[in-house]
């Protein structure tokens, strides 16, 4: 069963395999030869091995292997989104112009 990333909520179980983009921050509960490309988050070009009880971050890519993980954060609360918009630095819409 495939569910859009926007419909995921904390405690959902997500399965990923090589080539998949991680849809939300996940805590790994099962991993088989799992490595991730975290360059979108860290800028590091080398893949990173992940194992049970480690976190996978939304927006990173499964390079090899497969895993199952429990959603811990989604959308604006995800690590990737928080890294792009640190507290107090959110862009705000410009004020409305009077008519």
PDB file of N, CA and C in Angstrom:
ATOM      1  N   UNK A   1       0.841  -1.177   0.000  1.00  0.00           N
ATOM      2  CA  UNK A   1       0.000   0.000   0.000  1.00  0.00           C
ATOM      3  C   UNK A   1       0.889   1.245   0.000  1.00  0.00           C
ATOM      4  N   UNK A   2       0.637   2.138  -0.907  1.00  0.00           N
ATOM      5  CA  UNK A   2       1.410   3.370  -1.011  1.00  0.00           C
ATOM      6  C   UNK A   2       0.567   4.537  -0.491  1.00  0.00           C
ATOM      7  N   UNK A   3       1.190   5.373   0.363  1.00  0.00           N
ATOM      8  CA  UNK A   3       0.502   6.513   0.963  1.00  0.00           C
ATOM      9  C   UNK A   3       1.320   7.763   0.656  1.00  0.00           C
ATOM     10  N   UNK A   4       0.687   8.849   0.228  1.00  0.00           N
ATOM     11  CA  UNK A   4       1.433  10.087  -0.017  1.00  0.00           C
ATOM     12  C   UNK A   4       2.124  10.576   1.258  1.00  0.00           C
ATOM     13  N   UNK A   5       3.319  11.140   1.108  1.00  0.00           N
ATOM     14  CA  UNK A   5       4.087  11.608   2.261  1.00  0.00           C
ATOM     15  C   UNK A   5       3.283  12.581   3.116  1.00  0.00           C
ATOM     16  N   UNK A   6       2.470  13.413   2.505  1.00  0.00           N
ATOM     17  CA  UNK A   6       1.671  14.394   3.240  1.00  0.00           C
ATOM     18  C   UNK A   6       0.619  13.788   4.137  1.00  0.00           C
ATOM     19  N   UNK A   7       0.309  12.499   3.916  1.00  0.00           N
ATOM     20  CA  UNK A   7      -0.698  11.825   4.739  1.00  0.00           C
ATOM     21  C   UNK A   7      -0.085  11.057   5.913  1.00  0.00           C
ATOM     22  N   UNK A   8       1.247  11.003   5.990  1.00  0.00           N
ATOM     23  CA  UNK A   8       1.895  10.276   7.084  1.00  0.00           C
ATOM     24  C   UNK A   8       1.763  11.041   8.394  1.00  0.00           C
ATOM     25  N   UNK A   9       1.634  10.288   9.483  1.00  0.00           N
ATOM     26  CA  UNK A   9       1.560  10.869  10.825  1.00  0.00           C
ATOM     27  C   UNK A   9       2.503  10.093  11.739  1.00  0.00           C
ATOM     28  N   UNK A  10       2.916  10.697  12.863  1.00  0.00           N
ATOM     29  CA  UNK A  10       3.790   9.971  13.793  1.00  0.00           C
ATOM     30  C   UNK A  10       3.229   8.595  14.147  1.00  0.00           C
ATOM     31  N   UNK A  11       4.127   7.635  14.253  1.00  0.00           N
ATOM     32  CA  UNK A  11       3.868   6.226  14.568  1.00  0.00           C
ATOM     33  C   UNK A  11       3.440   5.384  13.378  1.00  0.00           C
ATOM     34  N   UNK A  12       3.265   5.967  12.175  1.00  0.00           N
ATOM     35  CA  UNK A  12       3.018   5.157  10.980  1.00  0.00           C
ATOM     36  C   UNK A  12       4.272   4.341  10.690  1.00  0.00           C
ATOM     37  N   UNK A  13       4.106   3.157  10.127  1.00  0.00           N
ATOM     38  CA  UNK A  13       5.224   2.317   9.715  1.00  0.00           C
ATOM     39  C   UNK A  13       5.460   2.523   8.227  1.00  0.00           C
ATOM     40  N   UNK A  14       6.710   2.798   7.859  1.00  0.00           N
ATOM     41  CA  UNK A  14       7.066   3.064   6.459  1.00  0.00           C
ATOM     42  C   UNK A  14       8.163   2.093   6.043  1.00  0.00           C
ATOM     43  N   UNK A  15       8.030   1.528   4.840  1.00  0.00           N
ATOM     44  CA  UNK A  15       9.065   0.656   4.282  1.00  0.00           C
ATOM     45  C   UNK A  15       9.711   1.378   3.107  1.00  0.00           C
ATOM     46  N   UNK A  16      11.044   1.328   3.050  1.00  0.00           N
ATOM     47  CA  UNK A  16      11.786   1.962   1.953  1.00  0.00           C
ATOM     48  C   UNK A  16      12.805   0.976   1.402  1.00  0.00           C
ATOM     49  N   UNK A  17      13.184   1.204   0.140  1.00  0.00           N
ATOM     50  CA  UNK A  17      14.218   0.387  -0.494  1.00  0.00           C
ATOM     51  C   UNK A  17      15.056   1.279  -1.384  1.00  0.00           C
ATOM     52  N   UNK A  18      16.123   0.722  -1.937  1.00  0.00           N
ATOM     53  CA  UNK A  18      17.067   1.491  -2.759  1.00  0.00           C
ATOM     54  C   UNK A  18      16.331   2.353  -3.776  1.00  0.00           C
ATOM     55  N   UNK A  19      16.705   3.637  -3.810  1.00  0.00           N
ATOM     56  CA  UNK A  19      16.105   4.578  -4.751  1.00  0.00           C
ATOM     57  C   UNK A  19      14.972   5.403  -4.173  1.00  0.00           C
ATOM     58  N   UNK A  20      14.420   4.987  -3.043  1.00  0.00           N
ATOM     59  CA  UNK A  20      13.303   5.719  -2.440  1.00  0.00           C
ATOM     60  C   UNK A  20      13.785   6.969  -1.698  1.00  0.00           C
ATOM     61  N   UNK A  21      13.000   8.028  -1.792  1.00  0.00           N
ATOM     62  CA  UNK A  21      13.233   9.223  -0.994  1.00  0.00           C
ATOM     63  C   UNK A  21      12.537   9.015   0.345  1.00  0.00           C
ATOM     64  N   UNK A  22      13.239   9.317   1.433  1.00  0.00           N
ATOM     65  CA  UNK A  22      12.654   9.143   2.766  1.00  0.00           C
ATOM     66  C   UNK A  22      11.557  10.197   2.927  1.00  0.00           C
ATOM     67  N   UNK A  23      10.288   9.780   3.173  1.00  0.00           N
ATOM     68  CA  UNK A  23       9.161  10.712   3.157  1.00  0.00           C
ATOM     69  C   UNK A  23       8.947  11.509   4.445  1.00  0.00           C
ATOM     70  N   UNK A  24       9.565  11.077   5.533  1.00  0.00           N
ATOM     71  CA  UNK A  24       9.413  11.731   6.842  1.00  0.00           C
ATOM     72  C   UNK A  24      10.588  11.268   7.698  1.00  0.00           C
ATOM     73  N   UNK A  25      10.835  11.939   8.817  1.00  0.00           N
ATOM     74  CA  UNK A  25      11.883  11.448   9.715  1.00  0.00           C
ATOM     75  C   UNK A  25      11.409  10.129  10.321  1.00  0.00           C
ATOM     76  N   UNK A  26      12.257   9.101  10.233  1.00  0.00           N
ATOM     77  CA  UNK A  26      11.899   7.753  10.680  1.00  0.00           C
ATOM     78  C   UNK A  26      12.910   7.230  11.685  1.00  0.00           C
ATOM     79  N   UNK A  27      12.439   6.426  12.630  1.00  0.00           N
ATOM     80  CA  UNK A  27      13.329   5.660  13.514  1.00  0.00           C
ATOM     81  C   UNK A  27      13.331   4.246  12.968  1.00  0.00           C
ATOM     82  N   UNK A  28      14.512   3.733  12.615  1.00  0.00           N
ATOM     83  CA  UNK A  28      14.633   2.426  11.964  1.00  0.00           C
ATOM     84  C   UNK A  28      14.295   1.303  12.944  1.00  0.00           C
ATOM     85  N   UNK A  29      13.392   0.414  12.509  1.00  0.00           N
ATOM     86  CA  UNK A  29      13.051  -0.768  13.307  1.00  0.00           C
ATOM     87  C   UNK A  29      13.548  -2.052  12.649  1.00  0.00           C
ATOM     88  N   UNK A  30      13.900  -1.958  11.373  1.00  0.00           N
ATOM     89  CA  UNK A  30      14.442  -3.103  10.628  1.00  0.00           C
ATOM     90  C   UNK A  30      15.308  -2.565   9.496  1.00  0.00           C
ATOM     91  N   UNK A  31      16.494  -3.129   9.314  1.00  0.00           N
ATOM     92  CA  UNK A  31      17.384  -2.670   8.248  1.00  0.00           C
ATOM     93  C   UNK A  31      18.165  -3.834   7.669  1.00  0.00           C
ATOM     94  N   UNK A  32      18.293  -3.835   6.332  1.00  0.00           N
ATOM     95  CA  UNK A  32      19.080  -4.837   5.626  1.00  0.00           C
ATOM     96  C   UNK A  32      20.011  -4.099   4.669  1.00  0.00           C
ATOM     97  N   UNK A  33      21.339  -4.134   4.976  1.00  0.00           N
ATOM     98  CA  UNK A  33      22.362  -3.483   4.137  1.00  0.00           C
ATOM     99  C   UNK A  33      21.967  -2.065   3.731  1.00  0.00           C
ATOM    100  N   UNK A  34      21.496  -1.291   4.687  1.00  0.00           N
ATOM    101  CA  UNK A  34      20.951   0.033   4.419  1.00  0.00           C
ATOM    102  C   UNK A  34      22.021   1.121   4.408  1.00  0.00           C
ATOM    103  N   UNK A  35      22.087   1.873   3.315  1.00  0.00           N
ATOM    104  CA  UNK A  35      22.901   3.091   3.265  1.00  0.00           C
ATOM    105  C   UNK A  35      22.038   4.200   2.675  1.00  0.00           C
ATOM    106  N   UNK A  36      22.342   5.437   3.089  1.00  0.00           N
ATOM    107  CA  UNK A  36      21.588   6.593   2.620  1.00  0.00           C
ATOM    108  C   UNK A  36      22.497   7.646   2.027  1.00  0.00           C
ATOM    109  N   UNK A  37      21.969   8.356   1.055  1.00  0.00           N
ATOM    110  CA  UNK A  37      22.608   9.547   0.504  1.00  0.00           C
ATOM    111  C   UNK A  37      21.982  10.717   1.254  1.00  0.00           C
ATOM    112  N   UNK A  38      22.746  11.324   2.163  1.00  0.00           N
ATOM    113  CA  UNK A  38      22.253  12.433   2.976  1.00  0.00           C
ATOM    114  C   UNK A  38      22.781  13.774   2.462  1.00  0.00           C
ATOM    115  N   UNK A  39      23.276  13.800   1.223  1.00  0.00           N
ATOM    116  CA  UNK A  39      23.903  15.016   0.700  1.00  0.00           C
ATOM    117  C   UNK A  39      22.942  16.201   0.661  1.00  0.00           C
ATOM    118  N   UNK A  40      21.649  15.962   0.480  1.00  0.00           N
ATOM    119  CA  UNK A  40      20.686  17.068   0.479  1.00  0.00           C
ATOM    120  C   UNK A  40      20.631  17.758   1.828  1.00  0.00           C
ATOM    121  N   UNK A  41      20.937  17.035   2.881  1.00  0.00           N
ATOM    122  CA  UNK A  41      20.887  17.580   4.237  1.00  0.00           C
ATOM    123  C   UNK A  41      22.251  18.052   4.725  1.00  0.00           C
ATOM    124  N   UNK A  42      23.289  17.255   4.447  1.00  0.00           N
ATOM    125  CA  UNK A  42      24.609  17.532   5.027  1.00  0.00           C
ATOM    126  C   UNK A  42      25.631  18.084   4.042  1.00  0.00           C
ATOM    127  N   UNK A  43      25.396  17.870   2.739  1.00  0.00           N
ATOM    128  CA  UNK A  43      26.376  18.266   1.734  1.00  0.00           C
ATOM    129  C   UNK A  43      27.468  17.224   1.550  1.00  0.00           C
ATOM    130  N   UNK A  44      27.491  16.206   2.399  1.00  0.00           N
ATOM    131  CA  UNK A  44      28.493  15.137   2.337  1.00  0.00           C
ATOM    132  C   UNK A  44      28.170  14.214   1.158  1.00  0.00           C
ATOM    133  N   UNK A  45      29.186  13.914   0.348  1.00  0.00           N
ATOM    134  CA  UNK A  45      28.956  13.096  -0.846  1.00  0.00           C
ATOM    135  C   UNK A  45      28.979  11.597  -0.594  1.00  0.00           C
ATOM    136  N   UNK A  46      29.529  11.160   0.538  1.00  0.00           N
ATOM    137  CA  UNK A  46      29.610   9.727   0.843  1.00  0.00           C
ATOM    138  C   UNK A  46      28.285   9.232   1.434  1.00  0.00           C
ATOM    139  N   UNK A  47      27.910   7.993   1.079  1.00  0.00           N
ATOM    140  CA  UNK A  47      26.712   7.417   1.673  1.00  0.00           C
ATOM    141  C   UNK A  47      26.986   7.056   3.137  1.00  0.00           C
ATOM    142  N   UNK A  48      25.909   6.945   3.902  1.00  0.00           N
ATOM    143  CA  UNK A  48      26.010   6.685   5.333  1.00  0.00           C
ATOM    144  C   UNK A  48      25.258   5.396   5.655  1.00  0.00           C
ATOM    145  N   UNK A  49      25.918   4.451   6.336  1.00  0.00           N
ATOM    146  CA  UNK A  49      25.265   3.212   6.759  1.00  0.00           C
ATOM    147  C   UNK A  49      24.351   3.510   7.939  1.00  0.00           C
ATOM    148  N   UNK A  50      23.172   2.899   7.927  1.00  0.00           N
ATOM    149  CA  UNK A  50      22.205   3.077   9.017  1.00  0.00           C
ATOM    150  C   UNK A  50      21.773   1.709   9.511  1.00  0.00           C
ATOM    151  N   UNK A  51      21.410   1.665  10.792  1.00  0.00           N
ATOM    152  CA  UNK A  51      20.998   0.408  11.408  1.00  0.00           C
ATOM    153  C   UNK A  51      19.799   0.658  12.315  1.00  0.00           C
ATOM    154  N   UNK A  52      19.316  -0.386  12.947  1.00  0.00           N
ATOM    155  CA  UNK A  52      18.162  -0.312  13.847  1.00  0.00           C
ATOM    156  C   UNK A  52      18.406   0.738  14.931  1.00  0.00           C
ATOM    157  N   UNK A  53      17.355   1.477  15.268  1.00  0.00           N
ATOM    158  CA  UNK A  53      17.317   2.549  16.272  1.00  0.00           C
ATOM    159  C   UNK A  53      17.974   3.847  15.830  1.00  0.00           C
ATOM    160  N   UNK A  54      18.491   3.913  14.601  1.00  0.00           N
ATOM    161  CA  UNK A  54      19.014   5.169  14.086  1.00  0.00           C
ATOM    162  C   UNK A  54      17.895   5.892  13.345  1.00  0.00           C
ATOM    163  N   UNK A  55      18.115   7.189  13.060  1.00  0.00           N
ATOM    164  CA  UNK A  55      17.102   7.966  12.355  1.00  0.00           C
ATOM    165  C   UNK A  55      17.447   8.138  10.887  1.00  0.00           C
ATOM    166  N   UNK A  56      16.407   8.114  10.066  1.00  0.00           N
ATOM    167  CA  UNK A  56      16.496   8.455   8.654  1.00  0.00           C
ATOM    168  C   UNK A  56      15.781   9.791   8.523  1.00  0.00           C
ATOM    169  N   UNK A  57      16.342  10.695   7.724  1.00  0.00           N
ATOM    170  CA  UNK A  57      15.795  12.041   7.654  1.00  0.00           C
ATOM    171  C   UNK A  57      15.044  12.286   6.362  1.00  0.00           C
ATOM    172  N   UNK A  58      13.901  12.939   6.472  1.00  0.00           N
ATOM    173  CA  UNK A  58      13.065  13.269   5.320  1.00  0.00           C
ATOM    174  C   UNK A  58      13.885  13.978   4.258  1.00  0.00           C
ATOM    175  N   UNK A  59      13.684  13.567   3.005  1.00  0.00           N
ATOM    176  CA  UNK A  59      14.377  14.197   1.887  1.00  0.00           C
ATOM    177  C   UNK A  59      15.684  13.542   1.507  1.00  0.00           C
ATOM    178  N   UNK A  60      16.197  12.649   2.371  1.00  0.00           N
ATOM    179  CA  UNK A  60      17.400  11.907   2.000  1.00  0.00           C
ATOM    180  C   UNK A  60      16.971  10.717   1.142  1.00  0.00           C
ATOM    181  N   UNK A  61      17.942  10.038   0.535  1.00  0.00           N
ATOM    182  CA  UNK A  61      17.622   8.985  -0.433  1.00  0.00           C
ATOM    183  C   UNK A  61      18.246   7.662  -0.018  1.00  0.00           C
ATOM    184  N   UNK A  62      17.467   6.594  -0.103  1.00  0.00           N
ATOM    185  CA  UNK A  62      17.974   5.255   0.176  1.00  0.00           C
ATOM    186  C   UNK A  62      18.904   4.858  -0.964  1.00  0.00           C
ATOM    187  N   UNK A  63      20.190   4.681  -0.668  1.00  0.00           N
ATOM    188  CA  UNK A  63      21.172   4.334  -1.694  1.00  0.00           C
ATOM    189  C   UNK A  63      21.197   2.823  -1.942  1.00  0.00           C
ATOM    190  N   UNK A  64      21.255   2.040  -0.865  1.00  0.00           N
ATOM    191  CA  UNK A  64      21.269   0.574  -0.987  1.00  0.00           C
ATOM    192  C   UNK A  64      20.438  -0.035   0.136  1.00  0.00           C
ATOM    193  N   UNK A  65      20.032  -1.258  -0.080  1.00  0.00           N
ATOM    194  CA  UNK A  65      19.327  -2.011   0.957  1.00  0.00           C
ATOM    195  C   UNK A  65      17.868  -1.637   1.084  1.00  0.00           C
ATOM    196  N   UNK A  66      17.334  -2.008   2.249  1.00  0.00           N
ATOM    197  CA  UNK A  66      15.922  -1.717   2.537  1.00  0.00           C
ATOM    198  C   UNK A  66      15.758  -1.566   4.044  1.00  0.00           C
ATOM    199  N   UNK A  67      14.638  -0.964   4.420  1.00  0.00           N
ATOM    200  CA  UNK A  67      14.397  -0.741   5.845  1.00  0.00           C
ATOM    201  C   UNK A  67      12.918  -0.536   6.121  1.00  0.00           C
ATOM    202  N   UNK A  68      12.580  -0.662   7.383  1.00  0.00           N
ATOM    203  CA  UNK A  68      11.264  -0.279   7.886  1.00  0.00           C
ATOM    204  C   UNK A  68      11.522   0.678   9.040  1.00  0.00           C
ATOM    205  N   UNK A  69      10.712   1.715   9.098  1.00  0.00           N
ATOM    206  CA  UNK A  69      10.895   2.692  10.163  1.00  0.00           C
ATOM    207  C   UNK A  69       9.575   3.273  10.606  1.00  0.00           C
ATOM    208  N   UNK A  70       9.568   3.779  11.831  1.00  0.00           N
ATOM    209  CA  UNK A  70       8.389   4.407  12.403  1.00  0.00           C
ATOM    210  C   UNK A  70       8.538   5.915  12.261  1.00  0.00           C
ATOM    211  N   UNK A  71       7.492   6.577  11.778  1.00  0.00           N
ATOM    212  CA  UNK A  71       7.513   8.027  11.607  1.00  0.00           C
ATOM    213  C   UNK A  71       7.638   8.699  12.966  1.00  0.00           C
ATOM    214  N   UNK A  72       8.635   9.611  13.082  1.00  0.00           N
ATOM    215  CA  UNK A  72       8.797  10.376  14.320  1.00  0.00           C
ATOM    216  C   UNK A  72       8.515  11.866  14.110  1.00  0.00           C
ATOM    217  N   UNK A  73       8.726  12.388  12.892  1.00  0.00           N
ATOM    218  CA  UNK A  73       8.436  13.788  12.583  1.00  0.00           C
ATOM    219  C   UNK A  73       8.044  13.899  11.115  1.00  0.00           C
ATOM    220  N   UNK A  74       7.156  14.837  10.817  1.00  0.00           N
ATOM    221  CA  UNK A  74       6.703  15.039   9.442  1.00  0.00           C
ATOM    222  C   UNK A  74       6.712  16.522   9.086  1.00  0.00           C
ATOM    223  N   UNK A  75       6.621  16.789   7.796  1.00  0.00           N
ATOM    224  CA  UNK A  75       6.447  18.153   7.288  1.00  0.00           C
ATOM    225  C   UNK A  75       7.388  19.170   7.893  1.00  0.00           C
ATOM    226  N   UNK A  76       6.827  20.289   8.389  1.00  0.00           N
ATOM    227  CA  UNK A  76       7.665  21.376   8.907  1.00  0.00           C
ATOM    228  C   UNK A  76       8.437  21.006  10.168  1.00  0.00           C
ATOM    229  N   UNK A  77       8.080  19.908  10.804  1.00  0.00           N
ATOM    230  CA  UNK A  77       8.769  19.470  12.018  1.00  0.00           C
ATOM    231  C   UNK A  77       9.948  18.551  11.712  1.00  0.00           C
ATOM    232  N   UNK A  78      10.097  18.130  10.445  1.00  0.00           N
ATOM    233  CA  UNK A  78      11.176  17.209  10.075  1.00  0.00           C
ATOM    234  C   UNK A  78      12.537  17.886  10.198  1.00  0.00           C
ATOM    235  N   UNK A  79      13.562  17.093  10.363  1.00  0.00           N
ATOM    236  CA  UNK A  79      14.924  17.607  10.513  1.00  0.00           C
ATOM    237  C   UNK A  79      15.343  18.438   9.312  1.00  0.00           C
ATOM    238  N   UNK A  80      15.033  17.980   8.131  1.00  0.00           N
ATOM    239  CA  UNK A  80      15.423  18.695   6.911  1.00  0.00           C
ATOM    240  C   UNK A  80      14.757  20.063   6.853  1.00  0.00           C
ATOM    241  N   UNK A  81      13.479  20.146   7.131  1.00  0.00           N
ATOM    242  CA  UNK A  81      12.769  21.432   7.091  1.00  0.00           C
ATOM    243  C   UNK A  81      13.276  22.367   8.173  1.00  0.00           C
ATOM    244  N   UNK A  82      13.558  21.841   9.377  1.00  0.00           N
ATOM    245  CA  UNK A  82      14.062  22.684  10.457  1.00  0.00           C
ATOM    246  C   UNK A  82      15.459  23.201  10.113  1.00  0.00           C
ATOM    247  N   UNK A  83      16.264  22.402   9.410  1.00  0.00           N
ATOM    248  CA  UNK A  83      17.612  22.839   9.029  1.00  0.00           C
ATOM    249  C   UNK A  83      17.554  23.975   8.007  1.00  0.00           C
ATOM    250  N   UNK A  84      16.564  23.930   7.133  1.00  0.00           N
ATOM    251  CA  UNK A  84      16.429  24.970   6.113  1.00  0.00           C
ATOM    252  C   UNK A  84      15.849  26.261   6.692  1.00  0.00           C
ATOM    253  N   UNK A  85      15.030  26.140   7.740  1.00  0.00           N
ATOM    254  CA  UNK A  85      14.358  27.295   8.331  1.00  0.00           C
ATOM    255  C   UNK A  85      14.553  27.287   9.841  1.00  0.00           C
ATOM    256  N   UNK A  86      15.746  27.658  10.329  1.00  0.00           N
ATOM    257  CA  UNK A  86      15.987  27.660  11.771  1.00  0.00           C
ATOM    258  C   UNK A  86      14.990  28.557  12.502  1.00  0.00           C
ATOM    259  N   UNK A  87      14.758  28.279  13.773  1.00  0.00           N
ATOM    260  CA  UNK A  87      13.814  29.051  14.585  1.00  0.00           C
ATOM    261  C   UNK A  87      14.093  30.536  14.447  1.00  0.00           C
ATOM    262  N   UNK A  88      13.039  31.299  14.257  1.00  0.00           N
ATOM    263  CA  UNK A  88      13.179  32.739  14.151  1.00  0.00           C
ATOM    264  C   UNK A  88      13.599  33.225  12.777  1.00  0.00           C
ATOM    265  N   UNK A  89      13.837  32.327  11.834  1.00  0.00           N
ATOM    266  CA  UNK A  89      14.304  32.731  10.508  1.00  0.00           C
ATOM    267  C   UNK A  89      13.322  32.359   9.419  1.00  0.00           C
ATOM    268  N   UNK A  90      12.083  32.054   9.795  1.00  0.00           N
ATOM    269  CA  UNK A  90      11.077  31.681   8.805  1.00  0.00           C
ATOM    270  C   UNK A  90      10.754  32.884   7.931  1.00  0.00           C
ATOM    271  N   UNK A  91      10.552  32.623   6.670  1.00  0.00           N
ATOM    272  CA  UNK A  91      10.155  33.701   5.782  1.00  0.00           C
ATOM    273  C   UNK A  91       8.672  33.961   5.989  1.00  0.00           C
ATOM    274  N   UNK A  92       8.323  35.214   6.055  1.00  0.00           N
ATOM    275  CA  UNK A  92       6.932  35.589   6.228  1.00  0.00           C
ATOM    276  C   UNK A  92       6.440  36.256   4.959  1.00  0.00           C
ATOM    277  N   UNK A  93       5.151  36.135   4.750  1.00  0.00           N
ATOM    278  CA  UNK A  93       4.549  36.789   3.597  1.00  0.00           C
ATOM    279  C   UNK A  93       4.624  38.305   3.805  1.00  0.00           C
ATOM    280  N   UNK A  94       4.799  39.059   2.720  1.00  0.00           N
ATOM    281  CA  UNK A  94       4.826  40.507   2.884  1.00  0.00           C
ATOM    282  C   UNK A  94       3.469  41.006   3.371  1.00  0.00           C
ATOM    283  N   UNK A  95       3.453  42.137   4.088  1.00  0.00           N
ATOM    284  CA  UNK A  95       2.169  42.650   4.581  1.00  0.00           C
ATOM    285  C   UNK A  95       1.251  43.000   3.426  1.00  0.00           C
ATOM    286  N   UNK A  96      -0.031  42.863   3.667  1.00  0.00           N
ATOM    287  CA  UNK A  96      -1.029  43.184   2.650  1.00  0.00           C
ATOM    288  C   UNK A  96      -1.053  44.691   2.413  1.00  0.00           C
ATOM    289  N   UNK A  97      -1.248  45.067   1.175  1.00  0.00           N
ATOM    290  CA  UNK A  97      -1.328  46.494   0.829  1.00  0.00           C
ATOM    291  C   UNK A  97      -2.758  46.982   1.040  1.00  0.00           C
ATOM    292  N   UNK A  98      -2.886  48.181   1.592  1.00  0.00           N
ATOM    293  CA  UNK A  98      -4.244  48.705   1.749  1.00  0.00           C
ATOM    294  C   UNK A  98      -4.892  48.921   0.385  1.00  0.00           C
ATOM    295  N   UNK A  99      -6.202  48.754   0.331  1.00  0.00           N
ATOM    296  CA  UNK A  99      -6.937  48.881  -0.939  1.00  0.00           C
ATOM    297  C   UNK A  99      -7.146  50.312  -1.341  1.00  0.00           C
TER     298      UNK A  99
END
